[in-house]
Each structure stands twice: as C-alpha cells, then as structure tokens.
C-alpha cells in the first residue's frame, strides 16, 4: 500500500495547475472533431499541438486541466471532513 500524499505534494500539484494556461482545455481531433488540419488542444491561450499522441492522450491531457484542480479540492475537503474541520 502506498502512503498518503503529503500537503507539500498537493501544493506542488496546485502550483503546476496555477502555472498552466487557464482552462478550459478541449481536444480537437482530426477525423473526430473536425475534418481537416491537425489535431490539437484548444486552451485559453495558444493551442497545443503534439506528435505521436493517441486520441486518448489528447483527451486525457485536455481533461486534466479541468479535473486536477477539482481533485485537489476534493482531497482537501475530505481530509478536513475526516479531521472534523470545516469544508474548504
């Protein structure tokens, strides 16, 4: 069994989220979401284009921009609840 993430680890993940381009991010895959051009991830800034990525990779990376901050909030909420503190 692995040990629980420390608050320091959560803070590092939070810093990564805050430093990334604002969301939401959305994948646009050639042949699925549009018919010509390249596959890319639309962000709140410049689009991200990758080589060698599968469709699932685009979906995962784009989805992580929205999901990881929510997961951090949920971990902290549950920890506060377990400790008998207030919800964050």
C-alpha atoms as a PDB file:
ATOM      1  CA  UNK A   1       0.000   0.000   0.000  1.00  0.00           C
ATOM      2  CA  UNK A   2       1.319   3.448  -0.871  1.00  0.00           C
ATOM      3  CA  UNK A   3       1.408   6.259   1.653  1.00  0.00           C
ATOM      4  CA  UNK A   4      -0.996   9.187   1.502  1.00  0.00           C
ATOM      5  CA  UNK A   5       0.091  12.265  -0.389  1.00  0.00           C
ATOM      6  CA  UNK A   6       1.520  14.961   1.792  1.00  0.00           C
ATOM      7  CA  UNK A   7       0.236  18.518   1.836  1.00  0.00           C
ATOM      8  CA  UNK A   8       3.547  19.530   0.246  1.00  0.00           C
ATOM      9  CA  UNK A   9       2.868  17.179  -2.681  1.00  0.00           C
ATOM     10  CA  UNK A  10      -0.619  18.619  -3.066  1.00  0.00           C
ATOM     11  CA  UNK A  11       0.850  22.139  -3.052  1.00  0.00           C
ATOM     12  CA  UNK A  12       3.310  21.178  -5.807  1.00  0.00           C
ATOM     13  CA  UNK A  13       0.460  19.855  -7.953  1.00  0.00           C
ATOM     14  CA  UNK A  14      -1.502  23.023  -7.232  1.00  0.00           C
ATOM     15  CA  UNK A  15       1.477  25.163  -8.352  1.00  0.00           C
ATOM     16  CA  UNK A  16       1.632  23.222 -11.624  1.00  0.00           C
ATOM     17  CA  UNK A  17      -2.074  23.856 -12.202  1.00  0.00           C
ATOM     18  CA  UNK A  18      -1.764  27.552 -11.437  1.00  0.00           C
ATOM     19  CA  UNK A  19       1.235  27.957 -13.774  1.00  0.00           C
ATOM     20  CA  UNK A  20      -0.517  26.266 -16.704  1.00  0.00           C
ATOM     21  CA  UNK A  21      -2.554  28.198 -19.254  1.00  0.00           C
ATOM     22  CA  UNK A  22      -6.067  28.895 -17.991  1.00  0.00           C
ATOM     23  CA  UNK A  23      -8.804  26.490 -19.000  1.00  0.00           C
ATOM     24  CA  UNK A  24     -10.984  25.052 -20.070  1.00  0.00           C
ATOM     25  CA  UNK A  25      -8.922  22.980 -22.467  1.00  0.00           C
ATOM     26  CA  UNK A  26     -10.646  20.984 -25.191  1.00  0.00           C
ATOM     27  CA  UNK A  27      -9.209  18.432 -27.616  1.00  0.00           C
ATOM     28  CA  UNK A  28      -9.945  18.819 -31.317  1.00  0.00           C
ATOM     29  CA  UNK A  29      -9.007  15.652 -33.171  1.00  0.00           C
ATOM     30  CA  UNK A  30      -8.829  15.442 -36.936  1.00  0.00           C
ATOM     31  CA  UNK A  31     -11.407  12.955 -38.179  1.00  0.00           C
ATOM     32  CA  UNK A  32     -13.380  13.038 -34.942  1.00  0.00           C
ATOM     33  CA  UNK A  33     -13.982  16.704 -34.108  1.00  0.00           C
ATOM     34  CA  UNK A  34     -13.082  18.312 -37.431  1.00  0.00           C
ATOM     35  CA  UNK A  35     -12.224  17.062 -40.916  1.00  0.00           C
ATOM     36  CA  UNK A  36      -9.085  18.901 -41.965  1.00  0.00           C
ATOM     37  CA  UNK A  37      -5.929  20.240 -40.372  1.00  0.00           C
ATOM     38  CA  UNK A  38      -4.093  18.745 -37.437  1.00  0.00           C
ATOM     39  CA  UNK A  39      -5.196  17.506 -34.051  1.00  0.00           C
ATOM     40  CA  UNK A  40      -4.673  19.987 -31.221  1.00  0.00           C
ATOM     41  CA  UNK A  41      -5.792  21.032 -27.759  1.00  0.00           C
ATOM     42  CA  UNK A  42      -7.533  24.390 -27.583  1.00  0.00           C
ATOM     43  CA  UNK A  43      -6.577  26.283 -24.441  1.00  0.00           C
ATOM     44  CA  UNK A  44      -7.309  29.734 -23.088  1.00  0.00           C
ATOM     45  CA  UNK A  45      -4.096  30.835 -24.846  1.00  0.00           C
ATOM     46  CA  UNK A  46      -2.088  29.243 -27.618  1.00  0.00           C
ATOM     47  CA  UNK A  47      -3.257  25.892 -28.948  1.00  0.00           C
ATOM     48  CA  UNK A  48      -1.170  22.818 -28.133  1.00  0.00           C
ATOM     49  CA  UNK A  49      -0.122  20.510 -30.955  1.00  0.00           C
ATOM     50  CA  UNK A  50       1.606  17.207 -30.313  1.00  0.00           C
ATOM     51  CA  UNK A  51       3.200  14.491 -32.385  1.00  0.00           C
ATOM     52  CA  UNK A  52       2.913  10.821 -31.617  1.00  0.00           C
ATOM     53  CA  UNK A  53      -0.084  11.211 -29.295  1.00  0.00           C
ATOM     54  CA  UNK A  54      -3.111   8.930 -29.458  1.00  0.00           C
ATOM     55  CA  UNK A  55      -6.668  10.295 -29.279  1.00  0.00           C
ATOM     56  CA  UNK A  56      -6.851   9.133 -25.666  1.00  0.00           C
ATOM     57  CA  UNK A  57      -3.706  11.156 -24.880  1.00  0.00           C
ATOM     58  CA  UNK A  58      -5.294  14.358 -26.207  1.00  0.00           C
ATOM     59  CA  UNK A  59      -8.483  13.652 -24.237  1.00  0.00           C
ATOM     60  CA  UNK A  60      -6.535  12.918 -21.049  1.00  0.00           C
ATOM     61  CA  UNK A  61      -4.282  15.979 -21.212  1.00  0.00           C
ATOM     62  CA  UNK A  62      -7.131  18.347 -22.065  1.00  0.00           C
ATOM     63  CA  UNK A  63      -9.363  16.820 -19.388  1.00  0.00           C
ATOM     64  CA  UNK A  64      -6.636  17.003 -16.743  1.00  0.00           C
ATOM     65  CA  UNK A  65      -6.671  20.821 -16.932  1.00  0.00           C
ATOM     66  CA  UNK A  66     -10.207  20.834 -15.552  1.00  0.00           C
ATOM     67  CA  UNK A  67     -10.067  17.671 -13.442  1.00  0.00           C
ATOM     68  CA  UNK A  68      -6.836  18.005 -11.447  1.00  0.00           C
ATOM     69  CA  UNK A  69      -7.840  21.250  -9.668  1.00  0.00           C
ATOM     70  CA  UNK A  70     -11.188  19.659  -8.780  1.00  0.00           C
ATOM     71  CA  UNK A  71      -9.449  16.565  -7.426  1.00  0.00           C
ATOM     72  CA  UNK A  72      -7.219  18.733  -5.229  1.00  0.00           C
ATOM     73  CA  UNK A  73     -10.294  20.467  -3.813  1.00  0.00           C
ATOM     74  CA  UNK A  74     -11.979  17.127  -3.154  1.00  0.00           C
ATOM     75  CA  UNK A  75      -8.922  15.656  -1.390  1.00  0.00           C
ATOM     76  CA  UNK A  76      -8.699  18.694   0.856  1.00  0.00           C
ATOM     77  CA  UNK A  77     -12.441  18.691   1.539  1.00  0.00           C
ATOM     78  CA  UNK A  78     -12.378  15.028   2.511  1.00  0.00           C
ATOM     79  CA  UNK A  79      -9.298  15.490   4.701  1.00  0.00           C
ATOM     80  CA  UNK A  80     -10.942  18.402   6.505  1.00  0.00           C
ATOM     81  CA  UNK A  81     -14.130  16.389   6.931  1.00  0.00           C
ATOM     82  CA  UNK A  82     -12.204  13.403   8.288  1.00  0.00           C
ATOM     83  CA  UNK A  83     -10.321  15.661  10.693  1.00  0.00           C
ATOM     84  CA  UNK A  84     -13.591  17.154  11.886  1.00  0.00           C
ATOM     85  CA  UNK A  85     -12.765  20.554  10.454  1.00  0.00           C
ATOM     86  CA  UNK A  86     -14.777  22.740   8.178  1.00  0.00           C
ATOM     87  CA  UNK A  87     -15.063  22.111   4.453  1.00  0.00           C
ATOM     88  CA  UNK A  88     -12.743  24.202   2.347  1.00  0.00           C
END
